Amino acid sequence: MERRGITEIRLLLLPGFCAGLTTFSAVTVHTLEPRAGGFLYLLVNVFLSLLIVAIVLPVSRKYIPVRK
């Protein structure tokens, strides 16, 4: 973030990162429940997460300029 010159947004993104950790633990709990389709849940979750990254990363690189 500092490389791109958006240090103010750091205060917004860091709590989001911490919330992501709690989401990760919730996904882990759902994955460990085999009767509820845990493995399928994990596969779908990982696939959709990677798909979103593949879509958002090029878009963000296009619209957020790199600071020189």
PDB file of N, CA and C in Angstrom:
ATOM      1  N   MET A   1       0.821  -1.188   0.000  1.00  0.00           N
ATOM      2  CA  MET A   1       0.000   0.000   0.000  1.00  0.00           C
ATOM      3  C   MET A   1       0.869   1.257   0.000  1.00  0.00           C
ATOM      4  N   GLU A   2       1.952   1.207   0.719  1.00  0.00           N
ATOM      5  CA  GLU A   2       2.825   2.372   0.745  1.00  0.00           C
ATOM      6  C   GLU A   2       3.453   2.620  -0.616  1.00  0.00           C
ATOM      7  N   ARG A   3       3.721   1.552  -1.339  1.00  0.00           N
ATOM      8  CA  ARG A   3       4.304   1.687  -2.674  1.00  0.00           C
ATOM      9  C   ARG A   3       3.353   2.400  -3.627  1.00  0.00           C
ATOM     10  N   ARG A   4       2.062   2.186  -3.423  1.00  0.00           N
ATOM     11  CA  ARG A   4       1.059   2.812  -4.278  1.00  0.00           C
ATOM     12  C   ARG A   4       0.597   4.163  -3.735  1.00  0.00           C
ATOM     13  N   GLY A   5       1.055   4.544  -2.548  1.00  0.00           N
ATOM     14  CA  GLY A   5       0.731   5.850  -2.011  1.00  0.00           C
ATOM     15  C   GLY A   5      -0.625   5.961  -1.349  1.00  0.00           C
ATOM     16  N   ILE A   6      -1.192   4.860  -0.882  1.00  0.00           N
ATOM     17  CA  ILE A   6      -2.498   4.900  -0.224  1.00  0.00           C
ATOM     18  C   ILE A   6      -2.375   4.389   1.211  1.00  0.00           C
ATOM     19  N   THR A   7      -1.638   5.122   2.014  1.00  0.00           N
ATOM     20  CA  THR A   7      -1.409   4.679   3.392  1.00  0.00           C
ATOM     21  C   THR A   7      -2.627   4.921   4.276  1.00  0.00           C
ATOM     22  N   GLU A   8      -3.491   5.871   3.917  1.00  0.00           N
ATOM     23  CA  GLU A   8      -4.668   6.165   4.744  1.00  0.00           C
ATOM     24  C   GLU A   8      -5.658   5.006   4.762  1.00  0.00           C
ATOM     25  N   ILE A   9      -5.717   4.270   3.699  1.00  0.00           N
ATOM     26  CA  ILE A   9      -6.680   3.174   3.601  1.00  0.00           C
ATOM     27  C   ILE A   9      -6.254   1.964   4.438  1.00  0.00           C
ATOM     28  N   ARG A  10      -5.027   1.998   4.917  1.00  0.00           N
ATOM     29  CA  ARG A  10      -4.504   0.894   5.729  1.00  0.00           C
ATOM     30  C   ARG A  10      -5.384   0.649   6.961  1.00  0.00           C
ATOM     31  N   LEU A  11      -5.881   1.728   7.574  1.00  0.00           N
ATOM     32  CA  LEU A  11      -6.722   1.593   8.765  1.00  0.00           C
ATOM     33  C   LEU A  11      -8.051   0.923   8.444  1.00  0.00           C
ATOM     34  N   LEU A  12      -8.480   1.004   7.218  1.00  0.00           N
ATOM     35  CA  LEU A  12      -9.707   0.335   6.805  1.00  0.00           C
ATOM     36  C   LEU A  12      -9.459  -1.128   6.455  1.00  0.00           C
ATOM     37  N   LEU A  13      -8.330  -1.411   5.827  1.00  0.00           N
ATOM     38  CA  LEU A  13      -8.064  -2.759   5.346  1.00  0.00           C
ATOM     39  C   LEU A  13      -7.571  -3.715   6.427  1.00  0.00           C
ATOM     40  N   LEU A  14      -6.824  -3.245   7.399  1.00  0.00           N
ATOM     41  CA  LEU A  14      -6.286  -4.142   8.423  1.00  0.00           C
ATOM     42  C   LEU A  14      -7.375  -4.802   9.265  1.00  0.00           C
ATOM     43  N   PRO A  15      -8.412  -4.078   9.709  1.00  0.00           N
ATOM     44  CA  PRO A  15      -9.498  -4.791  10.406  1.00  0.00           C
ATOM     45  C   PRO A  15     -10.192  -5.809   9.505  1.00  0.00           C
ATOM     46  N   GLY A  16     -10.261  -5.515   8.218  1.00  0.00           N
ATOM     47  CA  GLY A  16     -10.834  -6.478   7.278  1.00  0.00           C
ATOM     48  C   GLY A  16      -9.999  -7.740   7.193  1.00  0.00           C
ATOM     49  N   PHE A  17      -8.684  -7.589   7.272  1.00  0.00           N
ATOM     50  CA  PHE A  17      -7.798  -8.749   7.284  1.00  0.00           C
ATOM     51  C   PHE A  17      -8.053  -9.597   8.524  1.00  0.00           C
ATOM     52  N   CYS A  18      -8.201  -8.945   9.672  1.00  0.00           N
ATOM     53  CA  CYS A  18      -8.472  -9.687  10.907  1.00  0.00           C
ATOM     54  C   CYS A  18      -9.831 -10.396  10.836  1.00  0.00           C
ATOM     55  N   ALA A  19     -10.796  -9.758  10.214  1.00  0.00           N
ATOM     56  CA  ALA A  19     -12.102 -10.400  10.044  1.00  0.00           C
ATOM     57  C   ALA A  19     -11.989 -11.599   9.112  1.00  0.00           C
ATOM     58  N   GLY A  20     -11.076 -11.508   8.147  1.00  0.00           N
ATOM     59  CA  GLY A  20     -10.844 -12.645   7.259  1.00  0.00           C
ATOM     60  C   GLY A  20     -10.313 -13.857   7.995  1.00  0.00           C
ATOM     61  N   LEU A  21      -9.539 -13.626   9.039  1.00  0.00           N
ATOM     62  CA  LEU A  21      -9.035 -14.741   9.841  1.00  0.00           C
ATOM     63  C   LEU A  21     -10.169 -15.468  10.557  1.00  0.00           C
ATOM     64  N   THR A  22     -11.154 -14.723  11.048  1.00  0.00           N
ATOM     65  CA  THR A  22     -12.293 -15.375  11.695  1.00  0.00           C
ATOM     66  C   THR A  22     -13.127 -16.124  10.666  1.00  0.00           C
ATOM     67  N   THR A  23     -13.226 -15.582   9.463  1.00  0.00           N
ATOM     68  CA  THR A  23     -13.940 -16.281   8.394  1.00  0.00           C
ATOM     69  C   THR A  23     -13.232 -17.579   8.050  1.00  0.00           C
ATOM     70  N   PHE A  24     -11.905 -17.543   8.024  1.00  0.00           N
ATOM     71  CA  PHE A  24     -11.127 -18.749   7.755  1.00  0.00           C
ATOM     72  C   PHE A  24     -11.412 -19.826   8.795  1.00  0.00           C
ATOM     73  N   SER A  25     -11.506 -19.433  10.059  1.00  0.00           N
ATOM     74  CA  SER A  25     -11.787 -20.431  11.097  1.00  0.00           C
ATOM     75  C   SER A  25     -13.199 -20.985  10.944  1.00  0.00           C
ATOM     76  N   ALA A  26     -14.143 -20.161  10.496  1.00  0.00           N
ATOM     77  CA  ALA A  26     -15.507 -20.654  10.267  1.00  0.00           C
ATOM     78  C   ALA A  26     -15.534 -21.648   9.109  1.00  0.00           C
ATOM     79  N   VAL A  27     -14.770 -21.391   8.066  1.00  0.00           N
ATOM     80  CA  VAL A  27     -14.681 -22.320   6.937  1.00  0.00           C
ATOM     81  C   VAL A  27     -14.074 -23.642   7.406  1.00  0.00           C
ATOM     82  N   THR A  28     -13.085 -23.570   8.257  1.00  0.00           N
ATOM     83  CA  THR A  28     -12.462 -24.781   8.787  1.00  0.00           C
ATOM     84  C   THR A  28     -13.469 -25.626   9.549  1.00  0.00           C
ATOM     85  N   VAL A  29     -14.295 -24.990  10.359  1.00  0.00           N
ATOM     86  CA  VAL A  29     -15.309 -25.722  11.124  1.00  0.00           C
ATOM     87  C   VAL A  29     -16.292 -26.403  10.178  1.00  0.00           C
ATOM     88  N   HIS A  30     -16.741 -25.698   9.145  1.00  0.00           N
ATOM     89  CA  HIS A  30     -17.680 -26.294   8.185  1.00  0.00           C
ATOM     90  C   HIS A  30     -17.032 -27.443   7.413  1.00  0.00           C
ATOM     91  N   THR A  31     -15.753 -27.341   7.145  1.00  0.00           N
ATOM     92  CA  THR A  31     -15.049 -28.376   6.400  1.00  0.00           C
ATOM     93  C   THR A  31     -14.910 -29.655   7.206  1.00  0.00           C
ATOM     94  N   LEU A  32     -14.782 -29.523   8.508  1.00  0.00           N
ATOM     95  CA  LEU A  32     -14.587 -30.694   9.359  1.00  0.00           C
ATOM     96  C   LEU A  32     -15.877 -31.436   9.673  1.00  0.00           C
ATOM     97  N   GLU A  33     -17.008 -30.964   9.169  1.00  0.00           N
ATOM     98  CA  GLU A  33     -18.289 -31.645   9.366  1.00  0.00           C
ATOM     99  C   GLU A  33     -18.614 -32.467   8.119  1.00  0.00           C
ATOM    100  N   PRO A  34     -18.221 -33.739   8.098  1.00  0.00           N
ATOM    101  CA  PRO A  34     -18.397 -34.530   6.875  1.00  0.00           C
ATOM    102  C   PRO A  34     -19.860 -34.780   6.505  1.00  0.00           C
ATOM    103  N   ARG A  35     -20.745 -34.827   7.479  1.00  0.00           N
ATOM    104  CA  ARG A  35     -22.153 -35.084   7.151  1.00  0.00           C
ATOM    105  C   ARG A  35     -22.783 -33.914   6.403  1.00  0.00           C
ATOM    106  N   ALA A  36     -22.245 -32.732   6.588  1.00  0.00           N
ATOM    107  CA  ALA A  36     -22.793 -31.547   5.924  1.00  0.00           C
ATOM    108  C   ALA A  36     -22.109 -31.289   4.578  1.00  0.00           C
ATOM    109  N   GLY A  37     -21.376 -32.256   4.067  1.00  0.00           N
ATOM    110  CA  GLY A  37     -20.686 -32.091   2.789  1.00  0.00           C
ATOM    111  C   GLY A  37     -19.454 -31.227   2.921  1.00  0.00           C
ATOM    112  N   GLY A  38     -18.667 -31.441   3.952  1.00  0.00           N
ATOM    113  CA  GLY A  38     -17.526 -30.599   4.269  1.00  0.00           C
ATOM    114  C   GLY A  38     -16.497 -30.499   3.170  1.00  0.00           C
ATOM    115  N   PHE A  39     -16.121 -31.621   2.567  1.00  0.00           N
ATOM    116  CA  PHE A  39     -15.092 -31.590   1.523  1.00  0.00           C
ATOM    117  C   PHE A  39     -15.579 -30.851   0.291  1.00  0.00           C
ATOM    118  N   LEU A  40     -16.819 -31.080  -0.092  1.00  0.00           N
ATOM    119  CA  LEU A  40     -17.394 -30.357  -1.235  1.00  0.00           C
ATOM    120  C   LEU A  40     -17.467 -28.865  -0.934  1.00  0.00           C
ATOM    121  N   TYR A  41     -17.837 -28.523   0.286  1.00  0.00           N
ATOM    122  CA  TYR A  41     -17.884 -27.124   0.706  1.00  0.00           C
ATOM    123  C   TYR A  41     -16.507 -26.476   0.565  1.00  0.00           C
ATOM    124  N   LEU A  42     -15.475 -27.198   0.974  1.00  0.00           N
ATOM    125  CA  LEU A  42     -14.116 -26.680   0.877  1.00  0.00           C
ATOM    126  C   LEU A  42     -13.709 -26.480  -0.583  1.00  0.00           C
ATOM    127  N   LEU A  43     -14.002 -27.440  -1.436  1.00  0.00           N
ATOM    128  CA  LEU A  43     -13.643 -27.323  -2.849  1.00  0.00           C
ATOM    129  C   LEU A  43     -14.335 -26.137  -3.514  1.00  0.00           C
ATOM    130  N   VAL A  44     -15.615 -25.986  -3.250  1.00  0.00           N
ATOM    131  CA  VAL A  44     -16.368 -24.875  -3.836  1.00  0.00           C
ATOM    132  C   VAL A  44     -15.833 -23.553  -3.315  1.00  0.00           C
ATOM    133  N   ASN A  45     -15.556 -23.496  -2.016  1.00  0.00           N
ATOM    134  CA  ASN A  45     -15.061 -22.271  -1.412  1.00  0.00           C
ATOM    135  C   ASN A  45     -13.705 -21.869  -1.999  1.00  0.00           C
ATOM    136  N   VAL A  46     -12.790 -22.801  -2.123  1.00  0.00           N
ATOM    137  CA  VAL A  46     -11.465 -22.500  -2.684  1.00  0.00           C
ATOM    138  C   VAL A  46     -11.589 -22.113  -4.157  1.00  0.00           C
ATOM    139  N   PHE A  47     -12.391 -22.833  -4.911  1.00  0.00           N
ATOM    140  CA  PHE A  47     -12.558 -22.535  -6.336  1.00  0.00           C
ATOM    141  C   PHE A  47     -13.133 -21.143  -6.540  1.00  0.00           C
ATOM    142  N   LEU A  48     -14.196 -20.810  -5.817  1.00  0.00           N
ATOM    143  CA  LEU A  48     -14.808 -19.497  -5.988  1.00  0.00           C
ATOM    144  C   LEU A  48     -13.881 -18.380  -5.510  1.00  0.00           C
ATOM    145  N   SER A  49     -13.117 -18.632  -4.458  1.00  0.00           N
ATOM    146  CA  SER A  49     -12.166 -17.632  -3.975  1.00  0.00           C
ATOM    147  C   SER A  49     -11.097 -17.349  -5.018  1.00  0.00           C
ATOM    148  N   LEU A  50     -10.546 -18.388  -5.621  1.00  0.00           N
ATOM    149  CA  LEU A  50      -9.529 -18.198  -6.658  1.00  0.00           C
ATOM    150  C   LEU A  50     -10.112 -17.532  -7.902  1.00  0.00           C
ATOM    151  N   LEU A  51     -11.341 -17.847  -8.217  1.00  0.00           N
ATOM    152  CA  LEU A  51     -12.011 -17.220  -9.357  1.00  0.00           C
ATOM    153  C   LEU A  51     -12.178 -15.719  -9.115  1.00  0.00           C
ATOM    154  N   ILE A  52     -12.585 -15.342  -7.920  1.00  0.00           N
ATOM    155  CA  ILE A  52     -12.745 -13.927  -7.594  1.00  0.00           C
ATOM    156  C   ILE A  52     -11.407 -13.201  -7.665  1.00  0.00           C
ATOM    157  N   VAL A  53     -10.348 -13.828  -7.156  1.00  0.00           N
ATOM    158  CA  VAL A  53      -9.019 -13.215  -7.230  1.00  0.00           C
ATOM    159  C   VAL A  53      -8.601 -13.039  -8.680  1.00  0.00           C
ATOM    160  N   ALA A  54      -8.855 -14.037  -9.504  1.00  0.00           N
ATOM    161  CA  ALA A  54      -8.480 -13.954 -10.918  1.00  0.00           C
ATOM    162  C   ALA A  54      -9.234 -12.842 -11.638  1.00  0.00           C
ATOM    163  N   ILE A  55     -10.414 -12.508 -11.181  1.00  0.00           N
ATOM    164  CA  ILE A  55     -11.197 -11.438 -11.807  1.00  0.00           C
ATOM    165  C   ILE A  55     -10.800 -10.068 -11.252  1.00  0.00           C
ATOM    166  N   VAL A  56     -10.658  -9.976  -9.933  1.00  0.00           N
ATOM    167  CA  VAL A  56     -10.440  -8.677  -9.290  1.00  0.00           C
ATOM    168  C   VAL A  56      -9.010  -8.168  -9.456  1.00  0.00           C
ATOM    169  N   LEU A  57      -8.037  -9.033  -9.452  1.00  0.00           N
ATOM    170  CA  LEU A  57      -6.642  -8.595  -9.521  1.00  0.00           C
ATOM    171  C   LEU A  57      -6.328  -7.807 -10.796  1.00  0.00           C
ATOM    172  N   PRO A  58      -6.670  -8.298 -11.973  1.00  0.00           N
ATOM    173  CA  PRO A  58      -6.398  -7.491 -13.173  1.00  0.00           C
ATOM    174  C   PRO A  58      -7.191  -6.175 -13.200  1.00  0.00           C
ATOM    175  N   VAL A  59      -8.412  -6.205 -12.698  1.00  0.00           N
ATOM    176  CA  VAL A  59      -9.223  -4.987 -12.672  1.00  0.00           C
ATOM    177  C   VAL A  59      -8.595  -3.953 -11.738  1.00  0.00           C
ATOM    178  N   SER A  60      -8.147  -4.389 -10.564  1.00  0.00           N
ATOM    179  CA  SER A  60      -7.536  -3.448  -9.623  1.00  0.00           C
ATOM    180  C   SER A  60      -6.208  -2.915 -10.155  1.00  0.00           C
ATOM    181  N   ARG A  61      -5.449  -3.734 -10.839  1.00  0.00           N
ATOM    182  CA  ARG A  61      -4.188  -3.261 -11.433  1.00  0.00           C
ATOM    183  C   ARG A  61      -4.444  -2.212 -12.519  1.00  0.00           C
ATOM    184  N   LYS A  62      -5.576  -2.335 -13.169  1.00  0.00           N
ATOM    185  CA  LYS A  62      -5.905  -1.382 -14.229  1.00  0.00           C
ATOM    186  C   LYS A  62      -6.317  -0.028 -13.657  1.00  0.00           C
ATOM    187  N   TYR A  63      -7.073  -0.026 -12.560  1.00  0.00           N
ATOM    188  CA  TYR A  63      -7.649   1.210 -12.049  1.00  0.00           C
ATOM    189  C   TYR A  63      -6.892   1.847 -10.887  1.00  0.00           C
ATOM    190  N   ILE A  64      -5.976   1.149 -10.233  1.00  0.00           N
ATOM    191  CA  ILE A  64      -5.175   1.733  -9.162  1.00  0.00           C
ATOM    192  C   ILE A  64      -3.777   1.980  -9.711  1.00  0.00           C
ATOM    193  N   PRO A  65      -3.427   3.235  -9.880  1.00  0.00           N
ATOM    194  CA  PRO A  65      -2.130   3.533 -10.489  1.00  0.00           C
ATOM    195  C   PRO A  65      -0.978   3.228  -9.517  1.00  0.00           C
ATOM    196  N   VAL A  66       0.139   2.820 -10.087  1.00  0.00           N
ATOM    197  CA  VAL A  66       1.346   2.580  -9.308  1.00  0.00           C
ATOM    198  C   VAL A  66       2.076   3.908  -9.176  1.00  0.00           C
ATOM    199  N   ARG A  67       2.435   4.230  -7.957  1.00  0.00           N
ATOM    200  CA  ARG A  67       3.136   5.480  -7.693  1.00  0.00           C
ATOM    201  C   ARG A  67       4.612   5.334  -8.046  1.00  0.00           C
ATOM    202  N   LYS A  68       5.162   6.313  -8.719  1.00  0.00           N
ATOM    203  CA  LYS A  68       6.561   6.235  -9.161  1.00  0.00           C
ATOM    204  C   LYS A  68       7.463   7.025  -8.258  1.00  0.00           C
TER     205      LYS A  68
END
